Structure formats: C-alpha cells, structure tokens
Amino acid sequence: MAVGHGYPAAGGGRGQMRAADADRDRAVSFLSTAYTEGRLAKDEYDARLESALSARTYADLDRIVTDLPGARVGPVPLRGPAPTNGLAIASLACGIAQFAFGPLPTIPAIVLGHMARHQIKRTGEQGAGMALAGLLLGWAGFALGVLAILVLTVVVVAHGAPVHARAVFPGPPPPPAAPAP
C-alpha cells in the first residue's frame, strides 16, 4: 500500500528512508496551514504536531498529512550552489594579468566585467564580486595608463624638444650664423 507521495508504507523502499529536520518542518507547516484553515480541530492538530516532530521516516510523515489537501511530504530537493559566471572569472583574470602583461588585458577586463555583471543579474549566477574586481582593476589600469601618458606629455613639453635632440645627438655646438650684409 502506498502512502502519500508514492512511498511504500511497509517494507524497505523510500517510505522507510529517514526524514530530515527540513522534512519535519514542512509537515508542521502543512499542519499549521490546515489548522488555520479550520481543517483540523485543536486536539487533532496537537496530536499530529507531536507525531510530526517525532517522525523518523517519510512514511511516518505521510501518514500524518496524507488526508490534507496538497500536503505530501517528499524529500526536500537538494540544490547545489549556483555556478560561477565564466565571464566574471575571465574579467578578474584579465584585471590581474595587466600586472604581468601591461595594458594589453585592460580593455578585455572592463568589457568582460560589464558583460558578466549583466549576465549575473539576469541568471542569478555567482561571481558578482569577481566581475566587480575585474572591472575595478581594468578601470584602474586604464586610469593609470592615461595618467602615465599625460605625465609623459607634460615632461616632454616642459623640457622642449631641442633639449632631447641635443641629448640624442651629442657633438660640438653648431657654428654661429654669419652676419647679414
């Protein structure tokens, strides 16, 4: 004879599998709902509640809630952690790689970081911190690159090109210009 959610009441099988605390909590929730809806009297609710809290197997829980609408106690589905977004990993890798390879991975770190954050919002994957770190490293590398170019430009303009030309081509100074007739 099957009890509730297709678990056999007698013998081995899944009906004799041990129930977890989460399963007992679900049964208690069903009983509480049935009591508030007026489907159970107070004494019957108390008796079933005590039985639910001391139940050891799924079959025990099913016997308690099987006559209630929509109340079948099955195993709680196990869900593993959400996968980590691949673009977030790539963004962080590019952000870190710019320390070894210079500015080459800067733009990919920024682009991949933005794409990863968009996907994470849509899919609920893990990796938001990695995407943000990749973005921050990418933008920091970009800002340092722009700052280096500006500093180099200021140095070149401040010293003037002739100074560098003399440093590159050392030799005697050019002869003075002839006086005009």
Protein backbone atom coordinates (compact mmCIF):
# COMPACT_ATOMS: atom_id res chain seq x y z
CA MET A 1 0.00 0.00 0.00
CA ALA A 2 1.39 3.39 -0.93
CA VAL A 3 1.18 6.25 1.49
CA GLY A 4 1.18 9.85 0.32
CA HIS A 5 3.77 10.73 -2.27
CA GLY A 6 4.24 7.21 -3.57
CA TYR A 7 6.37 5.95 -0.70
CA PRO A 8 5.55 2.41 0.39
CA ALA A 9 4.27 2.15 3.94
CA ALA A 10 5.69 -1.26 4.69
CA GLY A 11 8.94 -2.96 3.86
CA GLY A 12 12.06 -1.23 2.60
CA GLY A 13 11.94 1.36 -0.13
CA ARG A 14 11.81 5.10 0.05
CA GLY A 15 8.99 5.19 2.58
CA GLN A 16 11.43 3.86 5.15
CA MET A 17 14.05 6.47 4.36
CA ARG A 18 14.90 8.71 7.26
CA ALA A 19 13.25 12.12 7.21
CA ALA A 20 15.34 15.23 7.77
CA ASP A 21 14.53 18.17 10.01
CA ALA A 22 13.53 20.14 6.90
CA ASP A 23 11.00 17.42 6.01
CA ARG A 24 9.51 17.50 9.52
CA ASP A 25 9.34 21.31 9.31
CA ARG A 26 7.43 21.07 6.02
CA ALA A 27 4.94 18.65 7.60
CA VAL A 28 4.48 21.02 10.56
CA SER A 29 3.89 23.85 8.09
CA PHE A 30 1.16 21.82 6.34
CA LEU A 31 -0.45 21.01 9.67
CA SER A 32 -0.38 24.68 10.74
CA THR A 33 -1.98 25.73 7.47
CA ALA A 34 -4.68 23.08 7.82
CA TYR A 35 -5.37 24.17 11.41
CA THR A 36 -5.66 27.88 10.47
CA GLU A 37 -8.00 26.94 7.59
CA GLY A 38 -10.24 25.04 10.01
CA ARG A 39 -9.49 21.59 8.59
CA LEU A 40 -8.17 20.29 11.93
CA ALA A 41 -9.52 20.66 15.45
CA LYS A 42 -7.15 21.82 18.17
CA ASP A 43 -6.73 18.39 19.80
CA GLU A 44 -6.19 16.68 16.44
CA TYR A 45 -3.67 19.38 15.44
CA ASP A 46 -1.76 18.91 18.70
CA ALA A 47 -1.66 15.12 18.28
CA ARG A 48 -0.48 15.33 14.66
CA LEU A 49 2.06 18.00 15.54
CA GLU A 50 3.58 15.78 18.21
CA SER A 51 3.66 12.86 15.76
CA ALA A 52 5.26 15.02 13.05
CA LEU A 53 8.01 16.22 15.34
CA SER A 54 8.83 12.66 16.40
CA ALA A 55 8.52 11.09 12.91
CA ARG A 56 11.57 9.22 11.69
CA THR A 57 10.69 8.26 8.10
CA TYR A 58 8.87 9.69 5.13
CA ALA A 59 6.15 7.09 5.61
CA ASP A 60 5.57 8.38 9.17
CA LEU A 61 5.23 11.92 7.87
CA ASP A 62 2.95 10.88 5.02
CA ARG A 63 0.57 9.13 7.45
CA ILE A 64 0.23 12.42 9.35
CA VAL A 65 -0.56 14.68 6.39
CA THR A 66 -1.90 12.37 3.69
CA ASP A 67 -5.58 13.35 4.21
CA LEU A 68 -4.80 17.09 3.92
CA PRO A 69 -5.11 18.77 0.51
CA GLY A 70 -1.80 19.44 -1.19
CA ALA A 71 0.18 18.11 1.75
CA ARG A 72 2.58 15.47 0.59
CA VAL A 73 5.89 15.28 2.31
CA GLY A 74 8.63 14.23 -0.04
CA PRO A 75 12.32 14.70 0.16
CA VAL A 76 13.46 18.30 0.11
CA PRO A 77 15.15 18.85 -3.24
CA LEU A 78 18.83 19.47 -2.80
CA ARG A 79 20.14 22.39 -4.77
CA GLY A 80 23.81 22.98 -5.04
CA PRO A 81 25.30 26.43 -5.20
CA ALA A 82 24.68 28.39 -8.36
CA PRO A 83 27.54 28.11 -10.86
CA THR A 84 30.09 30.89 -11.13
CA ASN A 85 29.83 33.07 -14.22
CA GLY A 86 32.68 32.37 -16.64
CA LEU A 87 32.88 35.96 -17.83
CA ALA A 88 33.39 37.11 -14.24
CA ILE A 89 36.33 34.73 -13.90
CA ALA A 90 37.78 35.98 -17.20
CA SER A 91 37.33 39.61 -16.17
CA LEU A 92 39.20 39.07 -12.92
CA ALA A 93 41.93 37.11 -14.72
CA CYS A 94 42.39 39.95 -17.24
CA GLY A 95 42.41 42.52 -14.44
CA ILE A 96 45.18 40.63 -12.67
CA ALA A 97 47.04 39.84 -15.90
CA GLN A 98 47.63 43.52 -16.63
CA PHE A 99 50.26 43.49 -13.87
CA ALA A 100 52.25 40.94 -15.89
CA PHE A 101 51.40 41.93 -19.47
CA GLY A 102 50.92 45.69 -19.21
CA PRO A 103 47.91 47.45 -20.67
CA LEU A 104 47.02 44.70 -23.15
CA PRO A 105 44.33 42.97 -20.98
CA THR A 106 42.88 46.23 -19.61
CA ILE A 107 40.06 46.68 -22.13
CA PRO A 108 39.01 42.98 -22.02
CA ALA A 109 38.85 43.19 -18.20
CA ILE A 110 36.44 46.13 -18.45
CA VAL A 111 34.28 44.69 -21.23
CA LEU A 112 34.08 41.21 -19.70
CA GLY A 113 33.31 42.70 -16.27
CA HIS A 114 30.34 44.66 -17.63
CA MET A 115 29.06 41.65 -19.59
CA ALA A 116 29.43 39.38 -16.54
CA ARG A 117 27.53 41.75 -14.24
CA HIS A 118 24.69 41.93 -16.77
CA GLN A 119 24.51 38.13 -17.05
CA ILE A 120 24.68 37.66 -13.28
CA LYS A 121 21.73 39.99 -12.76
CA ARG A 122 19.75 38.05 -15.36
CA THR A 123 20.67 34.48 -14.40
CA GLY A 124 21.47 34.69 -10.68
CA GLU A 125 24.86 33.02 -11.08
CA GLN A 126 27.70 33.53 -8.63
CA GLY A 127 30.69 35.76 -9.38
CA ALA A 128 29.42 39.30 -8.86
CA GLY A 129 32.44 40.10 -6.68
CA MET A 130 34.87 38.74 -9.25
CA ALA A 131 33.21 40.76 -12.01
CA LEU A 132 33.38 43.91 -9.90
CA ALA A 133 37.04 43.27 -9.01
CA GLY A 134 37.88 42.73 -12.70
CA LEU A 135 36.07 45.96 -13.57
CA LEU A 136 37.85 47.93 -10.88
CA LEU A 137 41.26 46.56 -11.84
CA GLY A 138 40.55 47.25 -15.52
CA TRP A 139 39.43 50.83 -14.90
CA ALA A 140 42.35 51.41 -12.51
CA GLY A 141 44.77 50.15 -15.17
CA PHE A 142 43.11 52.36 -17.77
CA ALA A 143 43.31 55.41 -15.47
CA LEU A 144 46.99 54.74 -14.69
CA GLY A 145 47.73 54.39 -18.40
CA VAL A 146 46.05 57.71 -19.19
CA LEU A 147 47.85 59.33 -16.26
CA ALA A 148 51.22 57.99 -17.48
CA ILE A 149 50.60 59.39 -20.97
CA LEU A 150 49.67 62.78 -19.52
CA VAL A 151 52.76 62.89 -17.29
CA LEU A 152 54.99 61.89 -20.21
CA THR A 153 53.41 64.60 -22.37
CA VAL A 154 53.93 67.24 -19.70
CA VAL A 155 57.57 66.23 -19.24
CA VAL A 156 58.25 66.37 -22.99
CA VAL A 157 56.55 69.74 -23.38
CA ALA A 158 58.23 71.25 -20.28
CA HIS A 159 61.74 70.33 -21.35
CA GLY A 160 61.23 71.09 -25.01
CA ALA A 161 62.27 69.02 -27.99
CA PRO A 162 65.68 70.71 -28.60
CA VAL A 163 66.95 69.52 -25.22
CA HIS A 164 66.23 65.96 -26.17
CA ALA A 165 67.67 66.43 -29.62
CA ARG A 166 71.00 67.57 -28.14
CA ALA A 167 71.00 64.67 -25.72
CA VAL A 168 70.44 62.23 -28.54
CA PHE A 169 72.98 63.76 -30.95
CA PRO A 170 75.86 65.00 -28.80
CA GLY A 171 78.61 66.86 -30.55
CA PRO A 172 80.09 70.31 -30.92
CA PRO A 173 77.65 73.17 -30.89
CA PRO A 174 76.59 74.43 -34.33
CA PRO A 175 78.71 77.34 -35.74
CA PRO A 176 77.29 80.83 -35.21
CA ALA A 177 75.26 82.28 -38.00
CA ALA A 178 77.05 84.66 -40.40
CA PRO A 179 76.22 88.37 -40.02
CA ALA A 180 73.83 89.82 -42.51
CA PRO A 181 75.40 92.19 -45.20
